[in-house]
Each structure stands twice: as C-alpha cells, then as structure tokens.
Amino acid sequence: MTFRIEQLGELIVERRGSMGVRAAAAEIGTSSATLSRIENGQIPDLETFTKICRWLNVNPSEILGFQPVPDQPATAAVHFRKDTTLNPATGSSLGNLIVAAQAALRVRSTAGK
C-alpha cells in the first residue's frame, strides 16, 4: 500500500485511536508538540519521520513513493541514524535525492523492457 507524505498525520491519528497525543508521543519517542504539529500537516524531520514509520509499522518507502531496489540493503537509514546533528533541511534534501535516484532507476529499468 502506498501513502502520500501529506497523509502521515491522518495515519498517526488513526493509529493512536483514543490514545492521547502525549502517550503516543512517548511511545514514538518525540514530543507531544511535535506530534501535534505533524498531525496537523507539518512534515517531520528525518529522525522523527523514521520513528513514526517504525511506530506505524510502515516502510518509509510506502510514504515517500518509491520502491526499494531488489537485493539492495537499505544502508542510507543506518547512516541517517548515526548523525544526530543532521539539519532538517539537509535530511529533506537527502530524501529528495534518494527519491529522484529511485525514480531514475525505475525509468531506466522499464526503458530496457
């Protein structure tokens, strides 16, 4: 199933059900203010996005709109987690780069068919 990044807030609200924002934020590992902003449409930084995807049990690629390359490990996520000082704008740019690379690979793989 594929979701749009704009649906992230809706997915959070649906997943937490009657659970309060503070309790859900504690489970996710973020602040309730941050979670509330995301539920209201703000795009999270990369670290928070990763935590939310883990909590939702959703592969980030399902939200970012790209298919993983078969037989290729997801090493980028490991590097992002190591860098706790990653600027949100840098994370967003890196995410856009990954999405563009995935799209280019899809085009190239379908062009040869």
PDB file of N, CA and C in Angstrom:
ATOM      1  N   MET A   1       0.842  -1.175   0.000  1.00  0.00           N
ATOM      2  CA  MET A   1       0.000   0.000   0.000  1.00  0.00           C
ATOM      3  C   MET A   1       0.888   1.239   0.000  1.00  0.00           C
ATOM      4  N   THR A   2       0.521   2.255  -0.732  1.00  0.00           N
ATOM      5  CA  THR A   2       1.289   3.483  -0.811  1.00  0.00           C
ATOM      6  C   THR A   2       0.479   4.635  -0.230  1.00  0.00           C
ATOM      7  N   PHE A   3       1.164   5.478   0.536  1.00  0.00           N
ATOM      8  CA  PHE A   3       0.549   6.649   1.137  1.00  0.00           C
ATOM      9  C   PHE A   3       1.310   7.877   0.651  1.00  0.00           C
ATOM     10  N   ARG A   4       0.699   9.030   0.777  1.00  0.00           N
ATOM     11  CA  ARG A   4       1.397  10.287   0.490  1.00  0.00           C
ATOM     12  C   ARG A   4       1.900  10.856   1.809  1.00  0.00           C
ATOM     13  N   ILE A   5       2.988  11.597   1.762  1.00  0.00           N
ATOM     14  CA  ILE A   5       3.542  12.199   2.974  1.00  0.00           C
ATOM     15  C   ILE A   5       2.506  13.099   3.655  1.00  0.00           C
ATOM     16  N   GLU A   6       1.611  13.675   2.869  1.00  0.00           N
ATOM     17  CA  GLU A   6       0.567  14.530   3.428  1.00  0.00           C
ATOM     18  C   GLU A   6      -0.413  13.742   4.291  1.00  0.00           C
ATOM     19  N   GLN A   7      -0.452  12.423   4.126  1.00  0.00           N
ATOM     20  CA  GLN A   7      -1.367  11.577   4.894  1.00  0.00           C
ATOM     21  C   GLN A   7      -0.764  11.119   6.219  1.00  0.00           C
ATOM     22  N   LEU A   8       0.474  11.472   6.487  1.00  0.00           N
ATOM     23  CA  LEU A   8       1.145  10.993   7.688  1.00  0.00           C
ATOM     24  C   LEU A   8       0.366  11.343   8.949  1.00  0.00           C
ATOM     25  N   GLY A   9      -0.109  12.582   9.054  1.00  0.00           N
ATOM     26  CA  GLY A   9      -0.884  12.990  10.219  1.00  0.00           C
ATOM     27  C   GLY A   9      -2.137  12.161  10.403  1.00  0.00           C
ATOM     28  N   GLU A  10      -2.822  11.882   9.299  1.00  0.00           N
ATOM     29  CA  GLU A  10      -4.038  11.055   9.357  1.00  0.00           C
ATOM     30  C   GLU A  10      -3.714   9.645   9.832  1.00  0.00           C
ATOM     31  N   LEU A  11      -2.593   9.100   9.358  1.00  0.00           N
ATOM     32  CA  LEU A  11      -2.186   7.757   9.774  1.00  0.00           C
ATOM     33  C   LEU A  11      -1.890   7.714  11.269  1.00  0.00           C
ATOM     34  N   ILE A  12      -1.269   8.770  11.772  1.00  0.00           N
ATOM     35  CA  ILE A  12      -0.958   8.840  13.207  1.00  0.00           C
ATOM     36  C   ILE A  12      -2.242   8.882  14.018  1.00  0.00           C
ATOM     37  N   VAL A  13      -3.164   9.759  13.625  1.00  0.00           N
ATOM     38  CA  VAL A  13      -4.432   9.894  14.347  1.00  0.00           C
ATOM     39  C   VAL A  13      -5.171   8.562  14.344  1.00  0.00           C
ATOM     40  N   GLU A  14      -5.199   7.908  13.200  1.00  0.00           N
ATOM     41  CA  GLU A  14      -5.881   6.613  13.091  1.00  0.00           C
ATOM     42  C   GLU A  14      -5.219   5.567  13.987  1.00  0.00           C
ATOM     43  N   ARG A  15      -3.904   5.515  13.974  1.00  0.00           N
ATOM     44  CA  ARG A  15      -3.166   4.512  14.755  1.00  0.00           C
ATOM     45  C   ARG A  15      -3.326   4.731  16.255  1.00  0.00           C
ATOM     46  N   ARG A  16      -3.311   5.987  16.683  1.00  0.00           N
ATOM     47  CA  ARG A  16      -3.374   6.225  18.128  1.00  0.00           C
ATOM     48  C   ARG A  16      -4.790   6.106  18.680  1.00  0.00           C
ATOM     49  N   GLY A  17      -5.814   6.186  17.821  1.00  0.00           N
ATOM     50  CA  GLY A  17      -7.198   5.989  18.272  1.00  0.00           C
ATOM     51  C   GLY A  17      -7.539   6.870  19.446  1.00  0.00           C
ATOM     52  N   SER A  18      -7.931   6.252  20.565  1.00  0.00           N
ATOM     53  CA  SER A  18      -8.317   7.022  21.752  1.00  0.00           C
ATOM     54  C   SER A  18      -7.117   7.359  22.634  1.00  0.00           C
ATOM     55  N   MET A  19      -5.936   6.905  22.245  1.00  0.00           N
ATOM     56  CA  MET A  19      -4.719   7.226  23.000  1.00  0.00           C
ATOM     57  C   MET A  19      -4.441   8.726  22.871  1.00  0.00           C
ATOM     58  N   GLY A  20      -4.065   9.348  23.941  1.00  0.00           N
ATOM     59  CA  GLY A  20      -3.760  10.771  23.912  1.00  0.00           C
ATOM     60  C   GLY A  20      -2.482  11.069  23.134  1.00  0.00           C
ATOM     61  N   VAL A  21      -2.342  12.327  22.737  1.00  0.00           N
ATOM     62  CA  VAL A  21      -1.162  12.749  21.986  1.00  0.00           C
ATOM     63  C   VAL A  21       0.108  12.540  22.809  1.00  0.00           C
ATOM     64  N   ARG A  22       0.048  12.857  24.103  1.00  0.00           N
ATOM     65  CA  ARG A  22       1.236  12.695  24.958  1.00  0.00           C
ATOM     66  C   ARG A  22       1.663  11.237  25.055  1.00  0.00           C
ATOM     67  N   ALA A  23       0.713  10.343  25.212  1.00  0.00           N
ATOM     68  CA  ALA A  23       1.045   8.918  25.330  1.00  0.00           C
ATOM     69  C   ALA A  23       1.623   8.396  24.023  1.00  0.00           C
ATOM     70  N   ALA A  24       1.023   8.776  22.904  1.00  0.00           N
ATOM     71  CA  ALA A  24       1.528   8.341  21.598  1.00  0.00           C
ATOM     72  C   ALA A  24       2.923   8.909  21.355  1.00  0.00           C
ATOM     73  N   ALA A  25       3.124  10.180  21.687  1.00  0.00           N
ATOM     74  CA  ALA A  25       4.440  10.804  21.506  1.00  0.00           C
ATOM     75  C   ALA A  25       5.499  10.087  22.339  1.00  0.00           C
ATOM     76  N   ALA A  26       5.137   9.703  23.554  1.00  0.00           N
ATOM     77  CA  ALA A  26       6.078   8.975  24.411  1.00  0.00           C
ATOM     78  C   ALA A  26       6.444   7.626  23.789  1.00  0.00           C
ATOM     79  N   GLU A  27       5.461   6.934  23.233  1.00  0.00           N
ATOM     80  CA  GLU A  27       5.730   5.649  22.560  1.00  0.00           C
ATOM     81  C   GLU A  27       6.647   5.844  21.359  1.00  0.00           C
ATOM     82  N   ILE A  28       6.416   6.911  20.617  1.00  0.00           N
ATOM     83  CA  ILE A  28       7.189   7.184  19.404  1.00  0.00           C
ATOM     84  C   ILE A  28       8.598   7.651  19.755  1.00  0.00           C
ATOM     85  N   GLY A  29       8.705   8.432  20.825  1.00  0.00           N
ATOM     86  CA  GLY A  29       9.994   8.975  21.209  1.00  0.00           C
ATOM     87  C   GLY A  29      10.187  10.400  20.733  1.00  0.00           C
ATOM     88  N   THR A  30       9.096  11.155  20.709  1.00  0.00           N
ATOM     89  CA  THR A  30       9.143  12.565  20.302  1.00  0.00           C
ATOM     90  C   THR A  30       8.291  13.367  21.272  1.00  0.00           C
ATOM     91  N   SER A  31       8.256  14.662  21.107  1.00  0.00           N
ATOM     92  CA  SER A  31       7.442  15.488  21.996  1.00  0.00           C
ATOM     93  C   SER A  31       5.988  15.517  21.524  1.00  0.00           C
ATOM     94  N   SER A  32       5.092  15.791  22.454  1.00  0.00           N
ATOM     95  CA  SER A  32       3.678  15.875  22.083  1.00  0.00           C
ATOM     96  C   SER A  32       3.431  17.076  21.165  1.00  0.00           C
ATOM     97  N   ALA A  33       4.196  18.150  21.355  1.00  0.00           N
ATOM     98  CA  ALA A  33       4.041  19.322  20.480  1.00  0.00           C
ATOM     99  C   ALA A  33       4.420  18.976  19.050  1.00  0.00           C
ATOM    100  N   THR A  34       5.525  18.243  18.893  1.00  0.00           N
ATOM    101  CA  THR A  34       5.953  17.827  17.554  1.00  0.00           C
ATOM    102  C   THR A  34       4.910  16.924  16.925  1.00  0.00           C
ATOM    103  N   LEU A  35       4.425  15.954  17.680  1.00  0.00           N
ATOM    104  CA  LEU A  35       3.428  15.027  17.148  1.00  0.00           C
ATOM    105  C   LEU A  35       2.157  15.772  16.753  1.00  0.00           C
ATOM    106  N   SER A  36       1.742  16.719  17.561  1.00  0.00           N
ATOM    107  CA  SER A  36       0.548  17.506  17.242  1.00  0.00           C
ATOM    108  C   SER A  36       0.737  18.296  15.944  1.00  0.00           C
ATOM    109  N   ARG A  37       1.919  18.888  15.762  1.00  0.00           N
ATOM    110  CA  ARG A  37       2.181  19.639  14.523  1.00  0.00           C
ATOM    111  C   ARG A  37       2.119  18.716  13.306  1.00  0.00           C
ATOM    112  N   ILE A  38       2.652  17.512  13.435  1.00  0.00           N
ATOM    113  CA  ILE A  38       2.648  16.563  12.315  1.00  0.00           C
ATOM    114  C   ILE A  38       1.223  16.110  12.016  1.00  0.00           C
ATOM    115  N   GLU A  39       0.446  15.871  13.069  1.00  0.00           N
ATOM    116  CA  GLU A  39      -0.962  15.513  12.864  1.00  0.00           C
ATOM    117  C   GLU A  39      -1.727  16.623  12.143  1.00  0.00           C
ATOM    118  N   ASN A  40      -1.259  17.845  12.288  1.00  0.00           N
ATOM    119  CA  ASN A  40      -1.909  18.992  11.651  1.00  0.00           C
ATOM    120  C   ASN A  40      -1.276  19.367  10.322  1.00  0.00           C
ATOM    121  N   GLY A  41      -0.446  18.469   9.771  1.00  0.00           N
ATOM    122  CA  GLY A  41       0.039  18.672   8.416  1.00  0.00           C
ATOM    123  C   GLY A  41       1.488  19.061   8.239  1.00  0.00           C
ATOM    124  N   GLN A  42       2.219  19.321   9.324  1.00  0.00           N
ATOM    125  CA  GLN A  42       3.632  19.668   9.171  1.00  0.00           C
ATOM    126  C   GLN A  42       4.434  18.413   8.817  1.00  0.00           C
ATOM    127  N   ILE A  43       5.405  18.566   7.940  1.00  0.00           N
ATOM    128  CA  ILE A  43       6.275  17.457   7.551  1.00  0.00           C
ATOM    129  C   ILE A  43       7.372  17.319   8.603  1.00  0.00           C
ATOM    130  N   PRO A  44       7.576  16.122   9.135  1.00  0.00           N
ATOM    131  CA  PRO A  44       8.588  15.953  10.189  1.00  0.00           C
ATOM    132  C   PRO A  44      10.009  15.933   9.636  1.00  0.00           C
ATOM    133  N   ASP A  45      10.971  16.140  10.542  1.00  0.00           N
ATOM    134  CA  ASP A  45      12.364  15.965  10.147  1.00  0.00           C
ATOM    135  C   ASP A  45      12.622  14.466   9.964  1.00  0.00           C
ATOM    136  N   LEU A  46      13.753  14.128   9.424  1.00  0.00           N
ATOM    137  CA  LEU A  46      14.053  12.746   9.056  1.00  0.00           C
ATOM    138  C   LEU A  46      14.065  11.802  10.254  1.00  0.00           C
ATOM    139  N   GLU A  47      14.641  12.235  11.356  1.00  0.00           N
ATOM    140  CA  GLU A  47      14.694  11.383  12.547  1.00  0.00           C
ATOM    141  C   GLU A  47      13.299  11.076  13.072  1.00  0.00           C
ATOM    142  N   THR A  48      12.458  12.100  13.154  1.00  0.00           N
ATOM    143  CA  THR A  48      11.091  11.913  13.633  1.00  0.00           C
ATOM    144  C   THR A  48      10.287  11.071  12.650  1.00  0.00           C
ATOM    145  N   PHE A  49      10.478  11.311  11.356  1.00  0.00           N
ATOM    146  CA  PHE A  49       9.807  10.519  10.327  1.00  0.00           C
ATOM    147  C   PHE A  49      10.139   9.034  10.495  1.00  0.00           C
ATOM    148  N   THR A  50      11.405   8.733  10.753  1.00  0.00           N
ATOM    149  CA  THR A  50      11.836   7.345  10.941  1.00  0.00           C
ATOM    150  C   THR A  50      11.154   6.729  12.158  1.00  0.00           C
ATOM    151  N   LYS A  51      11.111   7.468  13.253  1.00  0.00           N
ATOM    152  CA  LYS A  51      10.465   6.964  14.478  1.00  0.00           C
ATOM    153  C   LYS A  51       8.974   6.708  14.244  1.00  0.00           C
ATOM    154  N   ILE A  52       8.325   7.636  13.548  1.00  0.00           N
ATOM    155  CA  ILE A  52       6.889   7.496  13.288  1.00  0.00           C
ATOM    156  C   ILE A  52       6.616   6.291  12.395  1.00  0.00           C
ATOM    157  N   CYS A  53       7.421   6.119  11.355  1.00  0.00           N
ATOM    158  CA  CYS A  53       7.242   4.960  10.465  1.00  0.00           C
ATOM    159  C   CYS A  53       7.399   3.658  11.237  1.00  0.00           C
ATOM    160  N   ARG A  54       8.380   3.622  12.132  1.00  0.00           N
ATOM    161  CA  ARG A  54       8.590   2.431  12.950  1.00  0.00           C
ATOM    162  C   ARG A  54       7.351   2.186  13.820  1.00  0.00           C
ATOM    163  N   TRP A  55       6.824   3.245  14.438  1.00  0.00           N
ATOM    164  CA  TRP A  55       5.655   3.135  15.305  1.00  0.00           C
ATOM    165  C   TRP A  55       4.405   2.722  14.527  1.00  0.00           C
ATOM    166  N   LEU A  56       4.280   3.253  13.312  1.00  0.00           N
ATOM    167  CA  LEU A  56       3.138   2.901  12.456  1.00  0.00           C
ATOM    168  C   LEU A  56       3.305   1.523  11.823  1.00  0.00           C
ATOM    169  N   ASN A  57       4.530   0.986  11.905  1.00  0.00           N
ATOM    170  CA  ASN A  57       4.864  -0.274  11.236  1.00  0.00           C
ATOM    171  C   ASN A  57       4.658  -0.146   9.724  1.00  0.00           C
ATOM    172  N   VAL A  58       5.162   0.980   9.181  1.00  0.00           N
ATOM    173  CA  VAL A  58       5.052   1.285   7.762  1.00  0.00           C
ATOM    174  C   VAL A  58       6.451   1.496   7.214  1.00  0.00           C
ATOM    175  N   ASN A  59       6.735   0.904   6.070  1.00  0.00           N
ATOM    176  CA  ASN A  59       8.012   1.117   5.408  1.00  0.00           C
ATOM    177  C   ASN A  59       8.042   2.557   4.894  1.00  0.00           C
ATOM    178  N   PRO A  60       9.087   3.332   5.207  1.00  0.00           N
ATOM    179  CA  PRO A  60       9.143   4.718   4.732  1.00  0.00           C
ATOM    180  C   PRO A  60       8.965   4.853   3.224  1.00  0.00           C
ATOM    181  N   SER A  61       9.383   3.866   2.469  1.00  0.00           N
ATOM    182  CA  SER A  61       9.236   3.940   1.013  1.00  0.00           C
ATOM    183  C   SER A  61       7.767   3.985   0.598  1.00  0.00           C
ATOM    184  N   GLU A  62       6.884   3.424   1.435  1.00  0.00           N
ATOM    185  CA  GLU A  62       5.452   3.461   1.132  1.00  0.00           C
ATOM    186  C   GLU A  62       4.912   4.882   1.223  1.00  0.00           C
ATOM    187  N   ILE A  63       5.547   5.716   2.032  1.00  0.00           N
ATOM    188  CA  ILE A  63       5.106   7.101   2.186  1.00  0.00           C
ATOM    189  C   ILE A  63       5.852   8.018   1.229  1.00  0.00           C
ATOM    190  N   LEU A  64       7.132   7.729   0.997  1.00  0.00           N
ATOM    191  CA  LEU A  64       7.934   8.574   0.111  1.00  0.00           C
ATOM    192  C   LEU A  64       7.668   8.297  -1.362  1.00  0.00           C
ATOM    193  N   GLY A  65       7.002   7.191  -1.658  1.00  0.00           N
ATOM    194  CA  GLY A  65       6.577   6.929  -3.023  1.00  0.00           C
ATOM    195  C   GLY A  65       7.592   6.276  -3.923  1.00  0.00           C
ATOM    196  N   PHE A  66       8.492   5.476  -3.375  1.00  0.00           N
ATOM    197  CA  PHE A  66       9.413   4.750  -4.242  1.00  0.00           C
ATOM    198  C   PHE A  66       9.515   3.307  -3.798  1.00  0.00           C
ATOM    199  N   GLN A  67       9.879   2.487  -4.735  1.00  0.00           N
ATOM    200  CA  GLN A  67      10.035   1.064  -4.486  1.00  0.00           C
ATOM    201  C   GLN A  67      11.494   0.771  -4.201  1.00  0.00           C
ATOM    202  N   PRO A  68      11.775  -0.067  -3.203  1.00  0.00           N
ATOM    203  CA  PRO A  68      13.162  -0.417  -2.938  1.00  0.00           C
ATOM    204  C   PRO A  68      13.762  -1.196  -4.105  1.00  0.00           C
ATOM    205  N   VAL A  69      15.046  -1.024  -4.300  1.00  0.00           N
ATOM    206  CA  VAL A  69      15.745  -1.767  -5.332  1.00  0.00           C
ATOM    207  C   VAL A  69      15.940  -3.188  -4.817  1.00  0.00           C
ATOM    208  N   PRO A  70      15.517  -4.218  -5.585  1.00  0.00           N
ATOM    209  CA  PRO A  70      15.646  -5.601  -5.120  1.00  0.00           C
ATOM    210  C   PRO A  70      17.099  -5.947  -4.801  1.00  0.00           C
ATOM    211  N   ASP A  71      17.276  -6.737  -3.766  1.00  0.00           N
ATOM    212  CA  ASP A  71      18.584  -7.239  -3.349  1.00  0.00           C
ATOM    213  C   ASP A  71      19.570  -6.135  -2.994  1.00  0.00           C
ATOM    214  N   GLN A  72      19.075  -4.983  -2.568  1.00  0.00           N
ATOM    215  CA  GLN A  72      19.962  -3.896  -2.168  1.00  0.00           C
ATOM    216  C   GLN A  72      19.598  -3.491  -0.747  1.00  0.00           C
ATOM    217  N   PRO A  73      20.560  -3.558   0.171  1.00  0.00           N
ATOM    218  CA  PRO A  73      20.248  -3.212   1.564  1.00  0.00           C
ATOM    219  C   PRO A  73      19.956  -1.732   1.720  1.00  0.00           C
ATOM    220  N   ALA A  74      19.156  -1.418   2.719  1.00  0.00           N
ATOM    221  CA  ALA A  74      18.794  -0.029   3.000  1.00  0.00           C
ATOM    222  C   ALA A  74      19.843   0.593   3.916  1.00  0.00           C
ATOM    223  N   THR A  75      20.994   0.925   3.382  1.00  0.00           N
ATOM    224  CA  THR A  75      22.094   1.431   4.193  1.00  0.00           C
ATOM    225  C   THR A  75      21.950   2.909   4.515  1.00  0.00           C
ATOM    226  N   ALA A  76      21.205   3.658   3.745  1.00  0.00           N
ATOM    227  CA  ALA A  76      21.074   5.095   3.999  1.00  0.00           C
ATOM    228  C   ALA A  76      20.454   5.354   5.361  1.00  0.00           C
ATOM    229  N   ALA A  77      19.469   4.577   5.745  1.00  0.00           N
ATOM    230  CA  ALA A  77      18.811   4.777   7.034  1.00  0.00           C
ATOM    231  C   ALA A  77      19.792   4.610   8.179  1.00  0.00           C
ATOM    232  N   VAL A  78      20.707   3.687   8.064  1.00  0.00           N
ATOM    233  CA  VAL A  78      21.704   3.474   9.101  1.00  0.00           C
ATOM    234  C   VAL A  78      22.568   4.717   9.256  1.00  0.00           C
ATOM    235  N   HIS A  79      22.998   5.295   8.164  1.00  0.00           N
ATOM    236  CA  HIS A  79      23.827   6.488   8.230  1.00  0.00           C
ATOM    237  C   HIS A  79      23.057   7.677   8.787  1.00  0.00           C
ATOM    238  N   PHE A  80      21.781   7.820   8.461  1.00  0.00           N
ATOM    239  CA  PHE A  80      20.986   8.907   8.996  1.00  0.00           C
ATOM    240  C   PHE A  80      20.856   8.780  10.515  1.00  0.00           C
ATOM    241  N   ARG A  81      20.661   7.571  11.010  1.00  0.00           N
ATOM    242  CA  ARG A  81      20.501   7.377  12.441  1.00  0.00           C
ATOM    243  C   ARG A  81      21.784   7.689  13.199  1.00  0.00           C
ATOM    244  N   LYS A  82      22.935   7.482  12.595  1.00  0.00           N
ATOM    245  CA  LYS A  82      24.209   7.759  13.257  1.00  0.00           C
ATOM    246  C   LYS A  82      24.426   9.248  13.447  1.00  0.00           C
ATOM    247  N   ASP A  83      23.924  10.071  12.545  1.00  0.00           N
ATOM    248  CA  ASP A  83      24.167  11.502  12.574  1.00  0.00           C
ATOM    249  C   ASP A  83      23.036  12.196  13.312  1.00  0.00           C
ATOM    250  N   THR A  84      23.228  12.431  14.616  1.00  0.00           N
ATOM    251  CA  THR A  84      22.171  13.045  15.420  1.00  0.00           C
ATOM    252  C   THR A  84      22.104  14.552  15.221  1.00  0.00           C
ATOM    253  N   THR A  85      23.060  15.133  14.497  1.00  0.00           N
ATOM    254  CA  THR A  85      23.061  16.570  14.271  1.00  0.00           C
ATOM    255  C   THR A  85      22.593  16.933  12.869  1.00  0.00           C
ATOM    256  N   LEU A  86      21.961  16.011  12.189  1.00  0.00           N
ATOM    257  CA  LEU A  86      21.505  16.250  10.822  1.00  0.00           C
ATOM    258  C   LEU A  86      20.480  17.379  10.800  1.00  0.00           C
ATOM    259  N   ASN A  87      20.775  18.392  10.028  1.00  0.00           N
ATOM    260  CA  ASN A  87      19.878  19.525   9.856  1.00  0.00           C
ATOM    261  C   ASN A  87      18.633  19.054   9.113  1.00  0.00           C
ATOM    262  N   PRO A  88      17.421  19.442   9.547  1.00  0.00           N
ATOM    263  CA  PRO A  88      16.201  19.004   8.846  1.00  0.00           C
ATOM    264  C   PRO A  88      16.204  19.326   7.356  1.00  0.00           C
ATOM    265  N   ALA A  89      16.746  20.475   6.982  1.00  0.00           N
ATOM    266  CA  ALA A  89      16.794  20.825   5.554  1.00  0.00           C
ATOM    267  C   ALA A  89      17.718  19.874   4.802  1.00  0.00           C
ATOM    268  N   THR A  90      18.819  19.496   5.434  1.00  0.00           N
ATOM    269  CA  THR A  90      19.732  18.533   4.816  1.00  0.00           C
ATOM    270  C   THR A  90      19.049  17.175   4.677  1.00  0.00           C
ATOM    271  N   GLY A  91      18.352  16.758   5.722  1.00  0.00           N
ATOM    272  CA  GLY A  91      17.626  15.500   5.665  1.00  0.00           C
ATOM    273  C   GLY A  91      16.584  15.492   4.572  1.00  0.00           C
ATOM    274  N   SER A  92      15.877  16.593   4.433  1.00  0.00           N
ATOM    275  CA  SER A  92      14.876  16.710   3.377  1.00  0.00           C
ATOM    276  C   SER A  92      15.530  16.646   2.000  1.00  0.00           C
ATOM    277  N   SER A  93      16.641  17.336   1.845  1.00  0.00           N
ATOM    278  CA  SER A  93      17.354  17.314   0.560  1.00  0.00           C
ATOM    279  C   SER A  93      17.857  15.915   0.237  1.00  0.00           C
ATOM    280  N   LEU A  94      18.393  15.234   1.241  1.00  0.00           N
ATOM    281  CA  LEU A  94      18.862  13.861   1.020  1.00  0.00           C
ATOM    282  C   LEU A  94      17.701  12.940   0.665  1.00  0.00           C
ATOM    283  N   GLY A  95      16.574  13.131   1.331  1.00  0.00           N
ATOM    284  CA  GLY A  95      15.392  12.338   1.000  1.00  0.00           C
ATOM    285  C   GLY A  95      14.941  12.565  -0.431  1.00  0.00           C
ATOM    286  N   ASN A  96      14.942  13.831  -0.856  1.00  0.00           N
ATOM    287  CA  ASN A  96      14.574  14.149  -2.243  1.00  0.00           C
ATOM    288  C   ASN A  96      15.546  13.518  -3.224  1.00  0.00           C
ATOM    289  N   LEU A  97      16.827  13.527  -2.878  1.00  0.00           N
ATOM    290  CA  LEU A  97      17.842  12.912  -3.731  1.00  0.00           C
ATOM    291  C   LEU A  97      17.593  11.410  -3.872  1.00  0.00           C
ATOM    292  N   ILE A  98      17.271  10.763  -2.769  1.00  0.00           N
ATOM    293  CA  ILE A  98      17.007   9.321  -2.793  1.00  0.00           C
ATOM    294  C   ILE A  98      15.780   9.025  -3.647  1.00  0.00           C
ATOM    295  N   VAL A  99      14.729   9.811  -3.481  1.00  0.00           N
ATOM    296  CA  VAL A  99      13.512   9.613  -4.274  1.00  0.00           C
ATOM    297  C   VAL A  99      13.807   9.802  -5.758  1.00  0.00           C
ATOM    298  N   ALA A 100      14.584  10.841  -6.100  1.00  0.00           N
ATOM    299  CA  ALA A 100      14.926  11.092  -7.504  1.00  0.00           C
ATOM    300  C   ALA A 100      15.767   9.949  -8.073  1.00  0.00           C
ATOM    301  N   ALA A 101      16.692   9.441  -7.286  1.00  0.00           N
ATOM    302  CA  ALA A 101      17.524   8.330  -7.753  1.00  0.00           C
ATOM    303  C   ALA A 101      16.677   7.080  -7.985  1.00  0.00           C
ATOM    304  N   GLN A 102      15.750   6.822  -7.075  1.00  0.00           N
ATOM    305  CA  GLN A 102      14.865   5.669  -7.238  1.00  0.00           C
ATOM    306  C   GLN A 102      14.016   5.816  -8.499  1.00  0.00           C
ATOM    307  N   ALA A 103      13.505   7.016  -8.751  1.00  0.00           N
ATOM    308  CA  ALA A 103      12.694   7.256  -9.947  1.00  0.00           C
ATOM    309  C   ALA A 103      13.535   7.049 -11.195  1.00  0.00           C
ATOM    310  N   ALA A 104      14.764   7.526 -11.192  1.00  0.00           N
ATOM    311  CA  ALA A 104      15.643   7.350 -12.349  1.00  0.00           C
ATOM    312  C   ALA A 104      15.936   5.872 -12.595  1.00  0.00           C
ATOM    313  N   LEU A 105      16.126   5.122 -11.530  1.00  0.00           N
ATOM    314  CA  LEU A 105      16.365   3.683 -11.688  1.00  0.00           C
ATOM    315  C   LEU A 105      15.142   2.977 -12.252  1.00  0.00           C
ATOM    316  N   ARG A 106      13.947   3.403 -11.803  1.00  0.00           N
ATOM    317  CA  ARG A 106      12.722   2.798 -12.342  1.00  0.00           C
ATOM    318  C   ARG A 106      12.587   3.082 -13.822  1.00  0.00           C
ATOM    319  N   VAL A 107      12.841   4.325 -14.222  1.00  0.00           N
ATOM    320  CA  VAL A 107      12.751   4.698 -15.639  1.00  0.00           C
ATOM    321  C   VAL A 107      13.739   3.894 -16.447  1.00  0.00           C
ATOM    322  N   ARG A 108      14.963   3.787 -15.947  1.00  0.00           N
ATOM    323  CA  ARG A 108      15.998   3.053 -16.670  1.00  0.00           C
ATOM    324  C   ARG A 108      15.652   1.564 -16.779  1.00  0.00           C
ATOM    325  N   SER A 109      15.087   0.994 -15.709  1.00  0.00           N
ATOM    326  CA  SER A 109      14.767  -0.438 -15.759  1.00  0.00           C
ATOM    327  C   SER A 109      13.568  -0.733 -16.668  1.00  0.00           C
ATOM    328  N   THR A 110      12.618   0.208 -16.774  1.00  0.00           N
ATOM    329  CA  THR A 110      11.465  -0.021 -17.650  1.00  0.00           C
ATOM    330  C   THR A 110      11.791   0.327 -19.098  1.00  0.00           C
ATOM    331  N   ALA A 111      12.781   1.180 -19.335  1.00  0.00           N
ATOM    332  CA  ALA A 111      13.162   1.545 -20.693  1.00  0.00           C
ATOM    333  C   ALA A 111      13.810   0.374 -21.426  1.00  0.00           C
ATOM    334  N   GLY A 112      14.436  -0.506 -20.681  1.00  0.00           N
ATOM    335  CA  GLY A 112      15.113  -1.642 -21.305  1.00  0.00           C
ATOM    336  C   GLY A 112      14.186  -2.802 -21.583  1.00  0.00           C
ATOM    337  N   LYS A 113      12.923  -2.669 -21.233  1.00  0.00           N
ATOM    338  CA  LYS A 113      11.973  -3.785 -21.423  1.00  0.00           C
ATOM    339  C   LYS A 113      11.251  -3.690 -22.738  1.00  0.00           C
TER     340      LYS A 113
END
